[in-house]
PDB file of all heavy atoms in Angstrom:
ATOM      1  N   LEU A   1      -0.086  -3.230  -8.304  1.00  0.00           N
ATOM      2  CA  LEU A   1      -1.410  -3.851  -8.454  1.00  0.00           C
ATOM      3  C   LEU A   1      -2.453  -3.126  -7.617  1.00  0.00           C
ATOM      4  O   LEU A   1      -3.523  -2.761  -8.123  1.00  0.00           O
ATOM      5  CB  LEU A   1      -1.341  -5.325  -8.053  1.00  0.00           C
ATOM      6  CG  LEU A   1      -2.682  -6.057  -7.949  1.00  0.00           C
ATOM      7  CD1 LEU A   1      -3.365  -6.128  -9.305  1.00  0.00           C
ATOM      8  CD2 LEU A   1      -2.498  -7.445  -7.341  1.00  0.00           C
ATOM      9  N   ILE A   2      -2.163  -2.891  -6.332  1.00  0.00           N
ATOM     10  CA  ILE A   2      -3.141  -2.272  -5.444  1.00  0.00           C
ATOM     11  C   ILE A   2      -3.372  -0.815  -5.823  1.00  0.00           C
ATOM     12  O   ILE A   2      -4.528  -0.347  -5.913  1.00  0.00           O
ATOM     13  CB  ILE A   2      -2.687  -2.385  -3.976  1.00  0.00           C
ATOM     14  CG1 ILE A   2      -2.599  -3.857  -3.557  1.00  0.00           C
ATOM     15  CG2 ILE A   2      -3.653  -1.629  -3.056  1.00  0.00           C
ATOM     16  CD1 ILE A   2      -3.893  -4.628  -3.636  1.00  0.00           C
ATOM     17  N   LEU A   3      -2.316  -0.056  -6.060  1.00  0.00           N
ATOM     18  CA  LEU A   3      -2.477   1.358  -6.410  1.00  0.00           C
ATOM     19  C   LEU A   3      -3.245   1.527  -7.718  1.00  0.00           C
ATOM     20  O   LEU A   3      -4.141   2.382  -7.814  1.00  0.00           O
ATOM     21  CB  LEU A   3      -1.101   2.025  -6.534  1.00  0.00           C
ATOM     22  CG  LEU A   3      -0.508   2.632  -5.271  1.00  0.00           C
ATOM     23  CD1 LEU A   3       0.922   3.082  -5.529  1.00  0.00           C
ATOM     24  CD2 LEU A   3      -1.359   3.799  -4.773  1.00  0.00           C
ATOM     25  N   SER A   4      -2.904   0.741  -8.729  1.00  0.00           N
ATOM     26  CA  SER A   4      -3.589   0.887 -10.024  1.00  0.00           C
ATOM     27  C   SER A   4      -5.047   0.476  -9.922  1.00  0.00           C
ATOM     28  O   SER A   4      -5.919   1.077 -10.566  1.00  0.00           O
ATOM     29  CB  SER A   4      -2.871   0.068 -11.100  1.00  0.00           C
ATOM     30  OG  SER A   4      -2.896  -1.323 -10.792  1.00  0.00           O
ATOM     31  N   THR A   5      -5.342  -0.536  -9.117  1.00  0.00           N
ATOM     32  CA  THR A   5      -6.734  -0.960  -8.938  1.00  0.00           C
ATOM     33  C   THR A   5      -7.549   0.120  -8.246  1.00  0.00           C
ATOM     34  O   THR A   5      -8.647   0.486  -8.702  1.00  0.00           O
ATOM     35  CB  THR A   5      -6.799  -2.262  -8.121  1.00  0.00           C
ATOM     36  OG1 THR A   5      -6.108  -3.299  -8.821  1.00  0.00           O
ATOM     37  CG2 THR A   5      -8.246  -2.692  -7.888  1.00  0.00           C
ATOM     38  N   LEU A   6      -7.015   0.661  -7.146  1.00  0.00           N
ATOM     39  CA  LEU A   6      -7.770   1.653  -6.382  1.00  0.00           C
ATOM     40  C   LEU A   6      -7.884   2.975  -7.140  1.00  0.00           C
ATOM     41  O   LEU A   6      -8.963   3.588  -7.176  1.00  0.00           O
ATOM     42  CB  LEU A   6      -7.095   1.877  -5.025  1.00  0.00           C
ATOM     43  CG  LEU A   6      -7.078   0.660  -4.091  1.00  0.00           C
ATOM     44  CD1 LEU A   6      -6.310   0.973  -2.813  1.00  0.00           C
ATOM     45  CD2 LEU A   6      -8.508   0.210  -3.758  1.00  0.00           C
ATOM     46  N   LEU A   7      -6.807   3.424  -7.752  1.00  0.00           N
ATOM     47  CA  LEU A   7      -6.890   4.668  -8.527  1.00  0.00           C
ATOM     48  C   LEU A   7      -7.739   4.478  -9.776  1.00  0.00           C
ATOM     49  O   LEU A   7      -8.339   5.440 -10.271  1.00  0.00           O
ATOM     50  CB  LEU A   7      -5.487   5.142  -8.899  1.00  0.00           C
ATOM     51  CG  LEU A   7      -4.673   5.724  -7.733  1.00  0.00           C
ATOM     52  CD1 LEU A   7      -3.224   5.944  -8.150  1.00  0.00           C
ATOM     53  CD2 LEU A   7      -5.292   7.031  -7.238  1.00  0.00           C
ATOM     54  N   GLY A   8      -7.821   3.264 -10.265  1.00  0.00           N
ATOM     55  CA  GLY A   8      -8.702   2.988 -11.394  1.00  0.00           C
ATOM     56  C   GLY A   8     -10.166   3.166 -11.051  1.00  0.00           C
ATOM     57  O   GLY A   8     -11.009   3.366 -11.933  1.00  0.00           O
ATOM     58  N   LEU A   9     -10.482   3.111  -9.736  1.00  0.00           N
ATOM     59  CA  LEU A   9     -11.864   3.327  -9.287  1.00  0.00           C
ATOM     60  C   LEU A   9     -12.153   4.784  -8.964  1.00  0.00           C
ATOM     61  O   LEU A   9     -13.309   5.165  -8.785  1.00  0.00           O
ATOM     62  CB  LEU A   9     -12.133   2.486  -8.033  1.00  0.00           C
ATOM     63  CG  LEU A   9     -12.009   0.965  -8.175  1.00  0.00           C
ATOM     64  CD1 LEU A   9     -12.152   0.289  -6.814  1.00  0.00           C
ATOM     65  CD2 LEU A   9     -13.058   0.434  -9.146  1.00  0.00           C
ATOM     66  N   ALA A  10     -11.097   5.603  -8.858  1.00  0.00           N
ATOM     67  CA  ALA A  10     -11.258   7.001  -8.439  1.00  0.00           C
ATOM     68  C   ALA A  10     -11.627   7.883  -9.621  1.00  0.00           C
ATOM     69  O   ALA A  10     -10.997   7.820 -10.682  1.00  0.00           O
ATOM     70  CB  ALA A  10      -9.966   7.494  -7.793  1.00  0.00           C
ATOM     71  N   LYS A  11     -12.634   8.738  -9.415  1.00  0.00           N
ATOM     72  CA  LYS A  11     -13.098   9.625 -10.483  1.00  0.00           C
ATOM     73  C   LYS A  11     -12.606  11.054 -10.309  1.00  0.00           C
ATOM     74  O   LYS A  11     -12.650  11.845 -11.249  1.00  0.00           O
ATOM     75  CB  LYS A  11     -14.622   9.617 -10.543  1.00  0.00           C
ATOM     76  CG  LYS A  11     -15.238   8.235 -10.757  1.00  0.00           C
ATOM     77  CD  LYS A  11     -16.756   8.337 -10.805  1.00  0.00           C
ATOM     78  CE  LYS A  11     -17.413   6.968 -10.890  1.00  0.00           C
ATOM     79  NZ  LYS A  11     -17.159   6.154  -9.667  1.00  0.00           N
ATOM     80  N   ASP A  12     -12.185  11.409  -9.091  1.00  0.00           N
ATOM     81  CA  ASP A  12     -11.734  12.776  -8.843  1.00  0.00           C
ATOM     82  C   ASP A  12     -10.708  12.773  -7.714  1.00  0.00           C
ATOM     83  O   ASP A  12     -10.354  11.720  -7.177  1.00  0.00           O
ATOM     84  CB  ASP A  12     -12.923  13.684  -8.494  1.00  0.00           C
ATOM     85  CG  ASP A  12     -13.773  13.138  -7.345  1.00  0.00           C
ATOM     86  OD1 ASP A  12     -13.192  12.544  -6.398  1.00  0.00           O
ATOM     87  OD2 ASP A  12     -15.010  13.288  -7.377  1.00  0.00           O
ATOM     88  N   ARG A  13     -10.237  13.973  -7.330  1.00  0.00           N
ATOM     89  CA  ARG A  13      -9.196  14.066  -6.310  1.00  0.00           C
ATOM     90  C   ARG A  13      -9.658  13.529  -4.963  1.00  0.00           C
ATOM     91  O   ARG A  13      -8.883  12.908  -4.223  1.00  0.00           O
ATOM     92  CB  ARG A  13      -8.738  15.521  -6.162  1.00  0.00           C
ATOM     93  CG  ARG A  13      -7.770  15.966  -7.240  1.00  0.00           C
ATOM     94  CD  ARG A  13      -7.155  17.303  -6.891  1.00  0.00           C
ATOM     95  NE  ARG A  13      -8.108  18.391  -6.900  1.00  0.00           N
ATOM     96  CZ  ARG A  13      -8.359  19.172  -7.939  1.00  0.00           C
ATOM     97  NH1 ARG A  13      -7.714  18.973  -9.079  1.00  0.00           N
ATOM     98  NH2 ARG A  13      -9.225  20.153  -7.860  1.00  0.00           N
ATOM     99  N   THR A  14     -10.902  13.772  -4.612  1.00  0.00           N
ATOM    100  CA  THR A  14     -11.406  13.293  -3.318  1.00  0.00           C
ATOM    101  C   THR A  14     -11.365  11.774  -3.256  1.00  0.00           C
ATOM    102  O   THR A  14     -10.928  11.183  -2.259  1.00  0.00           O
ATOM    103  CB  THR A  14     -12.837  13.787  -3.083  1.00  0.00           C
ATOM    104  OG1 THR A  14     -12.843  15.221  -3.084  1.00  0.00           O
ATOM    105  CG2 THR A  14     -13.376  13.287  -1.758  1.00  0.00           C
ATOM    106  N   GLU A  15     -11.809  11.137  -4.327  1.00  0.00           N
ATOM    107  CA  GLU A  15     -11.786   9.677  -4.358  1.00  0.00           C
ATOM    108  C   GLU A  15     -10.356   9.145  -4.460  1.00  0.00           C
ATOM    109  O   GLU A  15     -10.040   8.080  -3.911  1.00  0.00           O
ATOM    110  CB  GLU A  15     -12.644   9.161  -5.515  1.00  0.00           C
ATOM    111  CG  GLU A  15     -14.135   9.474  -5.322  1.00  0.00           C
ATOM    112  CD  GLU A  15     -15.024   8.830  -6.365  1.00  0.00           C
ATOM    113  OE1 GLU A  15     -14.480   8.194  -7.297  1.00  0.00           O
ATOM    114  OE2 GLU A  15     -16.260   8.949  -6.239  1.00  0.00           O
ATOM    115  N   ALA A  16      -9.486   9.893  -5.125  1.00  0.00           N
ATOM    116  CA  ALA A  16      -8.079   9.494  -5.188  1.00  0.00           C
ATOM    117  C   ALA A  16      -7.439   9.525  -3.809  1.00  0.00           C
ATOM    118  O   ALA A  16      -6.635   8.659  -3.459  1.00  0.00           O
ATOM    119  CB  ALA A  16      -7.321  10.409  -6.145  1.00  0.00           C
ATOM    120  N   GLN A  17      -7.810  10.511  -3.003  1.00  0.00           N
ATOM    121  CA  GLN A  17      -7.291  10.577  -1.638  1.00  0.00           C
ATOM    122  C   GLN A  17      -7.736   9.358  -0.836  1.00  0.00           C
ATOM    123  O   GLN A  17      -6.956   8.788  -0.071  1.00  0.00           O
ATOM    124  CB  GLN A  17      -7.761  11.863  -0.953  1.00  0.00           C
ATOM    125  CG  GLN A  17      -7.223  12.037   0.456  1.00  0.00           C
ATOM    126  CD  GLN A  17      -7.494  13.418   1.021  1.00  0.00           C
ATOM    127  OE1 GLN A  17      -7.665  14.383   0.281  1.00  0.00           O
ATOM    128  NE2 GLN A  17      -7.533  13.520   2.341  1.00  0.00           N
ATOM    129  N   SER A  18      -8.976   8.935  -1.029  1.00  0.00           N
ATOM    130  CA  SER A  18      -9.455   7.714  -0.376  1.00  0.00           C
ATOM    131  C   SER A  18      -8.673   6.502  -0.858  1.00  0.00           C
ATOM    132  O   SER A  18      -8.343   5.599  -0.071  1.00  0.00           O
ATOM    133  CB  SER A  18     -10.946   7.520  -0.658  1.00  0.00           C
ATOM    134  OG  SER A  18     -11.720   8.562  -0.089  1.00  0.00           O
ATOM    135  N   ALA A  19      -8.352   6.473  -2.147  1.00  0.00           N
ATOM    136  CA  ALA A  19      -7.591   5.355  -2.698  1.00  0.00           C
ATOM    137  C   ALA A  19      -6.220   5.249  -2.035  1.00  0.00           C
ATOM    138  O   ALA A  19      -5.778   4.151  -1.657  1.00  0.00           O
ATOM    139  CB  ALA A  19      -7.437   5.525  -4.208  1.00  0.00           C
ATOM    140  N   LEU A  20      -5.555   6.386  -1.854  1.00  0.00           N
ATOM    141  CA  LEU A  20      -4.229   6.363  -1.237  1.00  0.00           C
ATOM    142  C   LEU A  20      -4.315   6.015   0.244  1.00  0.00           C
ATOM    143  O   LEU A  20      -3.412   5.370   0.790  1.00  0.00           O
ATOM    144  CB  LEU A  20      -3.527   7.705  -1.426  1.00  0.00           C
ATOM    145  CG  LEU A  20      -3.273   8.147  -2.876  1.00  0.00           C
ATOM    146  CD1 LEU A  20      -2.320   9.338  -2.897  1.00  0.00           C
ATOM    147  CD2 LEU A  20      -2.731   7.021  -3.732  1.00  0.00           C
ATOM    148  N   LYS A  21      -5.376   6.423   0.893  1.00  0.00           N
ATOM    149  CA  LYS A  21      -5.586   6.072   2.300  1.00  0.00           C
ATOM    150  C   LYS A  21      -5.706   4.557   2.459  1.00  0.00           C
ATOM    151  O   LYS A  21      -5.093   3.954   3.363  1.00  0.00           O
ATOM    152  CB  LYS A  21      -6.837   6.770   2.832  1.00  0.00           C
ATOM    153  CG  LYS A  21      -7.194   6.400   4.264  1.00  0.00           C
ATOM    154  CD  LYS A  21      -8.484   7.088   4.694  1.00  0.00           C
ATOM    155  CE  LYS A  21      -8.901   6.643   6.102  1.00  0.00           C
ATOM    156  NZ  LYS A  21     -10.177   7.300   6.520  1.00  0.00           N
ATOM    157  N   ILE A  22      -6.499   3.929   1.587  1.00  0.00           N
ATOM    158  CA  ILE A  22      -6.675   2.474   1.654  1.00  0.00           C
ATOM    159  C   ILE A  22      -5.379   1.764   1.263  1.00  0.00           C
ATOM    160  O   ILE A  22      -5.001   0.749   1.883  1.00  0.00           O
ATOM    161  CB  ILE A  22      -7.837   2.029   0.741  1.00  0.00           C
ATOM    162  CG1 ILE A  22      -9.149   2.693   1.190  1.00  0.00           C
ATOM    163  CG2 ILE A  22      -7.965   0.509   0.752  1.00  0.00           C
ATOM    164  CD1 ILE A  22      -9.529   2.431   2.626  1.00  0.00           C
ATOM    165  N   TYR A  23      -4.695   2.274   0.257  1.00  0.00           N
ATOM    166  CA  TYR A  23      -3.400   1.700  -0.129  1.00  0.00           C
ATOM    167  C   TYR A  23      -2.458   1.652   1.065  1.00  0.00           C
ATOM    168  O   TYR A  23      -1.836   0.621   1.348  1.00  0.00           O
ATOM    169  CB  TYR A  23      -2.802   2.530  -1.266  1.00  0.00           C
ATOM    170  CG  TYR A  23      -1.296   2.415  -1.387  1.00  0.00           C
ATOM    171  CD1 TYR A  23      -0.702   1.272  -1.925  1.00  0.00           C
ATOM    172  CD2 TYR A  23      -0.464   3.456  -0.952  1.00  0.00           C
ATOM    173  CE1 TYR A  23       0.673   1.172  -2.026  1.00  0.00           C
ATOM    174  CE2 TYR A  23       0.915   3.355  -1.056  1.00  0.00           C
ATOM    175  CZ  TYR A  23       1.483   2.221  -1.585  1.00  0.00           C
ATOM    176  OH  TYR A  23       2.847   2.126  -1.668  1.00  0.00           O
ATOM    177  N   ASP A  24      -2.340   2.756   1.786  1.00  0.00           N
ATOM    178  CA  ASP A  24      -1.474   2.796   2.959  1.00  0.00           C
ATOM    179  C   ASP A  24      -1.935   1.779   4.008  1.00  0.00           C
ATOM    180  O   ASP A  24      -1.116   1.069   4.612  1.00  0.00           O
ATOM    181  CB  ASP A  24      -1.482   4.204   3.561  1.00  0.00           C
ATOM    182  CG  ASP A  24      -0.730   4.268   4.877  1.00  0.00           C
ATOM    183  OD1 ASP A  24       0.498   4.086   4.881  1.00  0.00           O
ATOM    184  OD2 ASP A  24      -1.386   4.489   5.923  1.00  0.00           O
ATOM    185  N   GLN A  25      -3.211   1.672   4.196  1.00  0.00           N
ATOM    186  CA  GLN A  25      -3.775   0.781   5.214  1.00  0.00           C
ATOM    187  C   GLN A  25      -3.469  -0.681   4.924  1.00  0.00           C
ATOM    188  O   GLN A  25      -3.149  -1.452   5.838  1.00  0.00           O
ATOM    189  CB  GLN A  25      -5.288   1.004   5.281  1.00  0.00           C
ATOM    190  CG  GLN A  25      -6.010   0.148   6.292  1.00  0.00           C
ATOM    191  CD  GLN A  25      -7.515   0.445   6.317  1.00  0.00           C
ATOM    192  OE1 GLN A  25      -7.951   1.540   5.962  1.00  0.00           O
ATOM    193  NE2 GLN A  25      -8.307  -0.537   6.705  1.00  0.00           N
ATOM    194  N   VAL A  26      -3.540  -1.069   3.654  1.00  0.00           N
ATOM    195  CA  VAL A  26      -3.387  -2.495   3.339  1.00  0.00           C
ATOM    196  C   VAL A  26      -1.946  -2.889   3.013  1.00  0.00           C
ATOM    197  O   VAL A  26      -1.553  -4.040   3.214  1.00  0.00           O
ATOM    198  CB  VAL A  26      -4.317  -2.913   2.168  1.00  0.00           C
ATOM    199  CG1 VAL A  26      -5.771  -2.655   2.522  1.00  0.00           C
ATOM    200  CG2 VAL A  26      -3.950  -2.205   0.870  1.00  0.00           C
ATOM    201  N   ARG A  27      -1.128  -1.943   2.550  1.00  0.00           N
ATOM    202  CA  ARG A  27       0.218  -2.309   2.117  1.00  0.00           C
ATOM    203  C   ARG A  27       1.286  -2.113   3.195  1.00  0.00           C
ATOM    204  O   ARG A  27       2.278  -2.852   3.224  1.00  0.00           O
ATOM    205  CB  ARG A  27       0.613  -1.485   0.875  1.00  0.00           C
ATOM    206  CG  ARG A  27      -0.161  -1.848  -0.374  1.00  0.00           C
ATOM    207  CD  ARG A  27       0.053  -3.273  -0.792  1.00  0.00           C
ATOM    208  NE  ARG A  27       1.464  -3.541  -1.103  1.00  0.00           N
ATOM    209  CZ  ARG A  27       2.013  -4.738  -1.064  1.00  0.00           C
ATOM    210  NH1 ARG A  27       1.298  -5.801  -0.714  1.00  0.00           N
ATOM    211  NH2 ARG A  27       3.300  -4.903  -1.363  1.00  0.00           N
ATOM    212  N   ARG A  28       1.119  -1.141   4.075  1.00  0.00           N
ATOM    213  CA  ARG A  28       2.198  -0.818   5.007  1.00  0.00           C
ATOM    214  C   ARG A  28       2.521  -1.969   5.972  1.00  0.00           C
ATOM    215  O   ARG A  28       3.703  -2.301   6.161  1.00  0.00           O
ATOM    216  CB  ARG A  28       1.879   0.479   5.751  1.00  0.00           C
ATOM    217  CG  ARG A  28       3.020   1.012   6.594  1.00  0.00           C
ATOM    218  CD  ARG A  28       2.898   2.517   6.828  1.00  0.00           C
ATOM    219  NE  ARG A  28       1.556   2.921   7.158  1.00  0.00           N
ATOM    220  CZ  ARG A  28       1.047   2.989   8.395  1.00  0.00           C
ATOM    221  NH1 ARG A  28       1.811   2.681   9.432  1.00  0.00           N
ATOM    222  NH2 ARG A  28      -0.190   3.377   8.607  1.00  0.00           N
ATOM    223  N   PRO A  29       1.531  -2.608   6.603  1.00  0.00           N
ATOM    224  CA  PRO A  29       1.885  -3.681   7.540  1.00  0.00           C
ATOM    225  C   PRO A  29       2.657  -4.825   6.879  1.00  0.00           C
ATOM    226  O   PRO A  29       3.657  -5.304   7.436  1.00  0.00           O
ATOM    227  CB  PRO A  29       0.526  -4.149   8.063  1.00  0.00           C
ATOM    228  CG  PRO A  29      -0.381  -2.976   7.871  1.00  0.00           C
ATOM    229  CD  PRO A  29       0.070  -2.331   6.606  1.00  0.00           C
ATOM    230  N   ARG A  30       2.229  -5.261   5.719  1.00  0.00           N
ATOM    231  CA  ARG A  30       2.894  -6.385   5.051  1.00  0.00           C
ATOM    232  C   ARG A  30       4.322  -6.016   4.639  1.00  0.00           C
ATOM    233  O   ARG A  30       5.271  -6.762   4.911  1.00  0.00           O
ATOM    234  CB  ARG A  30       2.096  -6.816   3.812  1.00  0.00           C
ATOM    235  CG  ARG A  30       2.846  -7.821   2.930  1.00  0.00           C
ATOM    236  CD  ARG A  30       1.949  -8.397   1.851  1.00  0.00           C
ATOM    237  NE  ARG A  30       2.695  -9.129   0.840  1.00  0.00           N
ATOM    238  CZ  ARG A  30       3.192 -10.365   1.003  1.00  0.00           C
ATOM    239  NH1 ARG A  30       3.033 -10.992   2.134  1.00  0.00           N
ATOM    240  NH2 ARG A  30       3.841 -10.955   0.023  1.00  0.00           N
ATOM    241  N   THR A  31       4.478  -4.874   4.011  1.00  0.00           N
ATOM    242  CA  THR A  31       5.791  -4.525   3.489  1.00  0.00           C
ATOM    243  C   THR A  31       6.794  -4.243   4.601  1.00  0.00           C
ATOM    244  O   THR A  31       7.971  -4.612   4.497  1.00  0.00           O
ATOM    245  CB  THR A  31       5.697  -3.326   2.544  1.00  0.00           C
ATOM    246  OG1 THR A  31       5.039  -2.229   3.208  1.00  0.00           O
ATOM    247  CG2 THR A  31       4.906  -3.679   1.285  1.00  0.00           C
ATOM    248  N   GLN A  32       6.363  -3.617   5.686  1.00  0.00           N
ATOM    249  CA  GLN A  32       7.301  -3.339   6.770  1.00  0.00           C
ATOM    250  C   GLN A  32       7.691  -4.623   7.503  1.00  0.00           C
ATOM    251  O   GLN A  32       8.825  -4.746   7.973  1.00  0.00           O
ATOM    252  CB  GLN A  32       6.704  -2.300   7.718  1.00  0.00           C
ATOM    253  CG  GLN A  32       6.584  -0.930   7.038  1.00  0.00           C
ATOM    254  CD  GLN A  32       6.113   0.177   7.955  1.00  0.00           C
ATOM    255  OE1 GLN A  32       5.591  -0.063   9.043  1.00  0.00           O
ATOM    256  NE2 GLN A  32       6.282   1.403   7.517  1.00  0.00           N
ATOM    257  N   TYR A  33       6.781  -5.574   7.574  1.00  0.00           N
ATOM    258  CA  TYR A  33       7.131  -6.884   8.139  1.00  0.00           C
ATOM    259  C   TYR A  33       8.231  -7.539   7.310  1.00  0.00           C
ATOM    260  O   TYR A  33       9.187  -8.115   7.856  1.00  0.00           O
ATOM    261  CB  TYR A  33       5.891  -7.779   8.185  1.00  0.00           C
ATOM    262  CG  TYR A  33       6.178  -9.185   8.672  1.00  0.00           C
ATOM    263  CD1 TYR A  33       6.051  -9.520  10.019  1.00  0.00           C
ATOM    264  CD2 TYR A  33       6.603 -10.178   7.784  1.00  0.00           C
ATOM    265  CE1 TYR A  33       6.325 -10.811  10.468  1.00  0.00           C
ATOM    266  CE2 TYR A  33       6.882 -11.464   8.217  1.00  0.00           C
ATOM    267  CZ  TYR A  33       6.743 -11.776   9.561  1.00  0.00           C
ATOM    268  OH  TYR A  33       7.038 -13.051   9.996  1.00  0.00           O
ATOM    269  N   ILE A  34       8.113  -7.461   5.981  1.00  0.00           N
ATOM    270  CA  ILE A  34       9.087  -8.109   5.108  1.00  0.00           C
ATOM    271  C   ILE A  34      10.449  -7.437   5.222  1.00  0.00           C
ATOM    272  O   ILE A  34      11.495  -8.112   5.204  1.00  0.00           O
ATOM    273  CB  ILE A  34       8.578  -8.117   3.651  1.00  0.00           C
ATOM    274  CG1 ILE A  34       7.345  -9.028   3.532  1.00  0.00           C
ATOM    275  CG2 ILE A  34       9.671  -8.580   2.692  1.00  0.00           C
ATOM    276  CD1 ILE A  34       6.668  -8.990   2.179  1.00  0.00           C
ATOM    277  N   VAL A  35      10.486  -6.118   5.341  1.00  0.00           N
ATOM    278  CA  VAL A  35      11.759  -5.419   5.533  1.00  0.00           C
ATOM    279  C   VAL A  35      12.468  -5.948   6.788  1.00  0.00           C
ATOM    280  O   VAL A  35      13.669  -6.246   6.774  1.00  0.00           O
ATOM    281  CB  VAL A  35      11.545  -3.900   5.644  1.00  0.00           C
ATOM    282  CG1 VAL A  35      12.842  -3.195   6.061  1.00  0.00           C
ATOM    283  CG2 VAL A  35      11.042  -3.324   4.320  1.00  0.00           C
ATOM    284  N   ASP A  36      11.720  -6.076   7.886  1.00  0.00           N
ATOM    285  CA  ASP A  36      12.299  -6.578   9.135  1.00  0.00           C
ATOM    286  C   ASP A  36      12.734  -8.034   9.006  1.00  0.00           C
ATOM    287  O   ASP A  36      13.794  -8.432   9.497  1.00  0.00           O
ATOM    288  CB  ASP A  36      11.292  -6.433  10.279  1.00  0.00           C
ATOM    289  CG  ASP A  36      11.013  -4.972  10.629  1.00  0.00           C
ATOM    290  OD1 ASP A  36      11.861  -4.115  10.316  1.00  0.00           O
ATOM    291  OD2 ASP A  36       9.946  -4.700  11.209  1.00  0.00           O
ATOM    292  N   SER A  37      11.908  -8.834   8.335  1.00  0.00           N
ATOM    293  CA  SER A  37      12.232 -10.248   8.150  1.00  0.00           C
ATOM    294  C   SER A  37      13.499 -10.421   7.328  1.00  0.00           C
ATOM    295  O   SER A  37      14.351 -11.258   7.633  1.00  0.00           O
ATOM    296  CB  SER A  37      11.071 -10.965   7.473  1.00  0.00           C
ATOM    297  OG  SER A  37      11.389 -12.316   7.199  1.00  0.00           O
ATOM    298  N   SER A  38      13.647  -9.619   6.271  1.00  0.00           N
ATOM    299  CA  SER A  38      14.817  -9.727   5.411  1.00  0.00           C
ATOM    300  C   SER A  38      16.096  -9.411   6.173  1.00  0.00           C
ATOM    301  O   SER A  38      17.128 -10.074   5.995  1.00  0.00           O
ATOM    302  CB  SER A  38      14.671  -8.783   4.211  1.00  0.00           C
ATOM    303  OG  SER A  38      15.795  -8.868   3.364  1.00  0.00           O
ATOM    304  N   ARG A  39      16.036  -8.414   7.047  1.00  0.00           N
ATOM    305  CA  ARG A  39      17.226  -8.048   7.824  1.00  0.00           C
ATOM    306  C   ARG A  39      17.699  -9.227   8.677  1.00  0.00           C
ATOM    307  O   ARG A  39      18.886  -9.557   8.712  1.00  0.00           O
ATOM    308  CB  ARG A  39      16.923  -6.842   8.712  1.00  0.00           C
ATOM    309  CG  ARG A  39      18.135  -6.330   9.486  1.00  0.00           C
ATOM    310  CD  ARG A  39      17.767  -5.301  10.544  1.00  0.00           C
ATOM    311  NE  ARG A  39      16.711  -4.430  10.098  1.00  0.00           N
ATOM    312  CZ  ARG A  39      15.477  -4.422  10.596  1.00  0.00           C
ATOM    313  NH1 ARG A  39      15.148  -5.259  11.587  1.00  0.00           N
ATOM    314  NH2 ARG A  39      14.570  -3.596  10.142  1.00  0.00           N
ATOM    315  N   VAL A  40      16.767  -9.877   9.367  1.00  0.00           N
ATOM    316  CA  VAL A  40      17.114 -11.017  10.216  1.00  0.00           C
ATOM    317  C   VAL A  40      17.583 -12.190   9.369  1.00  0.00           C
ATOM    318  O   VAL A  40      18.552 -12.883   9.712  1.00  0.00           O
ATOM    319  CB  VAL A  40      15.900 -11.418  11.083  1.00  0.00           C
ATOM    320  CG1 VAL A  40      16.215 -12.672  11.889  1.00  0.00           C
ATOM    321  CG2 VAL A  40      15.503 -10.271  12.014  1.00  0.00           C
ATOM    322  N   THR A  41      16.926 -12.423   8.238  1.00  0.00           N
ATOM    323  CA  THR A  41      17.297 -13.518   7.351  1.00  0.00           C
ATOM    324  C   THR A  41      18.727 -13.364   6.864  1.00  0.00           C
ATOM    325  O   THR A  41      19.468 -14.356   6.734  1.00  0.00           O
ATOM    326  CB  THR A  41      16.330 -13.591   6.159  1.00  0.00           C
ATOM    327  OG1 THR A  41      14.994 -13.796   6.637  1.00  0.00           O
ATOM    328  CG2 THR A  41      16.695 -14.725   5.210  1.00  0.00           C
ATOM    329  N   GLY A  42      19.134 -12.123   6.600  1.00  0.00           N
ATOM    330  CA  GLY A  42      20.495 -11.881   6.142  1.00  0.00           C
ATOM    331  C   GLY A  42      21.536 -12.348   7.130  1.00  0.00           C
ATOM    332  O   GLY A  42      22.567 -12.933   6.748  1.00  0.00           O
ATOM    333  N   ARG A  43      21.303 -12.104   8.417  1.00  0.00           N
ATOM    334  CA  ARG A  43      22.254 -12.579   9.427  1.00  0.00           C
ATOM    335  C   ARG A  43      22.314 -14.104   9.439  1.00  0.00           C
ATOM    336  O   ARG A  43      23.399 -14.696   9.550  1.00  0.00           O
ATOM    337  CB  ARG A  43      21.843 -12.057  10.807  1.00  0.00           C
ATOM    338  CG  ARG A  43      21.654 -10.558  10.935  1.00  0.00           C
ATOM    339  CD  ARG A  43      22.936  -9.782  10.867  1.00  0.00           C
ATOM    340  NE  ARG A  43      23.852 -10.041  11.966  1.00  0.00           N
ATOM    341  CZ  ARG A  43      24.944  -9.300  12.203  1.00  0.00           C
ATOM    342  NH1 ARG A  43      25.220  -8.257  11.436  1.00  0.00           N
ATOM    343  NH2 ARG A  43      25.753  -9.591  13.206  1.00  0.00           N
TER     344      ARG A  43
END
């Protein structure tokens, strides 16, 4: 959802690079938290 939305706004490579930068900024904290949470939940 996030990648397709941001890349859908990008018109060229420069804007695509900005899209991936924002994707990393908004998705990495949430997803890495869930990876850690799942490990503990398994125990």
